[in-house]
Amino acid sequence: MMTDEQKPVRKPTFWQIVSSTLAAAIGVQSNKNRERDFTGGNIYTYIAAGIIFTVVFVVVMILIVKAVLANV
């Protein structure tokens, strides 16, 4: 039987990284996922995902505001 220390470290999948980024954006994350991110993930992957999410979020907000103001 393998203990937690003996389990092989697996890299998070693309969708797990996206999920973790979205969870971080709203401030919720399960302890299991946080541990997975810190043990198997690469910091640069999460930094890039965070920057991409932030840029997309800002662009979407700008487009929504422009659409609302155009209809006023």
Protein backbone atom coordinates (compact mmCIF):
# COMPACT_ATOMS: atom_id res chain seq x y z
CA MET A 1 0.00 0.00 0.00
CA MET A 2 1.36 3.43 -0.95
CA THR A 3 1.43 6.27 1.52
CA ASP A 4 0.82 9.88 0.50
CA GLU A 5 4.57 10.46 0.34
CA GLN A 6 5.10 7.54 -2.05
CA LYS A 7 2.41 8.44 -4.58
CA PRO A 8 3.85 9.57 -7.92
CA VAL A 9 3.53 13.30 -8.54
CA ARG A 10 1.32 13.92 -11.55
CA LYS A 11 1.20 17.18 -13.45
CA PRO A 12 -2.19 18.88 -13.53
CA THR A 13 -4.05 18.71 -16.83
CA PHE A 14 -4.95 21.78 -18.86
CA TRP A 15 -8.52 21.74 -17.51
CA GLN A 16 -7.31 21.35 -13.92
CA ILE A 17 -5.14 24.45 -14.40
CA VAL A 18 -8.11 26.36 -15.86
CA SER A 19 -10.29 25.20 -12.96
CA SER A 20 -7.69 26.24 -10.39
CA THR A 21 -7.31 29.64 -12.05
CA LEU A 22 -11.06 30.26 -11.99
CA ALA A 23 -11.27 29.06 -8.38
CA ALA A 24 -8.47 31.45 -7.44
CA ALA A 25 -10.25 34.31 -9.21
CA ILE A 26 -13.31 33.93 -7.00
CA GLY A 27 -11.35 32.90 -3.91
CA VAL A 28 -12.44 29.30 -3.42
CA GLN A 29 -10.29 26.20 -3.74
CA SER A 30 -10.49 22.77 -2.14
CA ASN A 31 -7.54 21.69 -0.05
CA LYS A 32 -7.06 18.62 -2.26
CA ASN A 33 -6.78 20.77 -5.40
CA ARG A 34 -4.49 23.26 -3.70
CA GLU A 35 -2.14 20.47 -2.68
CA ARG A 36 -2.23 19.05 -6.23
CA ASP A 37 -1.34 22.47 -7.64
CA PHE A 38 1.54 23.03 -5.25
CA THR A 39 3.05 19.55 -5.54
CA GLY A 40 2.61 18.79 -9.24
CA GLY A 41 2.19 22.15 -10.87
CA ASN A 42 4.69 24.57 -12.33
CA ILE A 43 4.56 28.13 -10.98
CA TYR A 44 5.07 29.63 -14.44
CA THR A 45 2.06 27.76 -15.81
CA TYR A 46 -0.18 29.24 -13.12
CA ILE A 47 1.29 32.73 -13.56
CA ALA A 48 0.63 32.55 -17.32
CA ALA A 49 -2.90 31.23 -16.72
CA GLY A 50 -3.57 34.05 -14.26
CA ILE A 51 -2.31 36.73 -16.65
CA ILE A 52 -4.35 35.29 -19.54
CA PHE A 53 -7.46 35.10 -17.35
CA THR A 54 -6.98 38.69 -16.18
CA VAL A 55 -6.56 40.02 -19.73
CA VAL A 56 -9.62 38.12 -20.97
CA PHE A 57 -11.66 39.29 -17.96
CA VAL A 58 -10.73 42.95 -18.50
CA VAL A 59 -11.49 42.76 -22.24
CA VAL A 60 -14.88 41.14 -21.57
CA MET A 61 -15.72 43.82 -18.98
CA ILE A 62 -14.76 46.59 -21.43
CA LEU A 63 -16.95 45.04 -24.13
CA ILE A 64 -19.90 44.69 -21.75
CA VAL A 65 -19.61 48.30 -20.59
CA LYS A 66 -19.36 49.54 -24.19
CA ALA A 67 -22.42 47.51 -25.17
CA VAL A 68 -24.43 48.84 -22.23
CA LEU A 69 -23.39 52.44 -22.84
CA ALA A 70 -24.19 52.15 -26.56
CA ASN A 71 -27.78 51.22 -25.66
CA VAL A 72 -28.31 54.14 -23.27
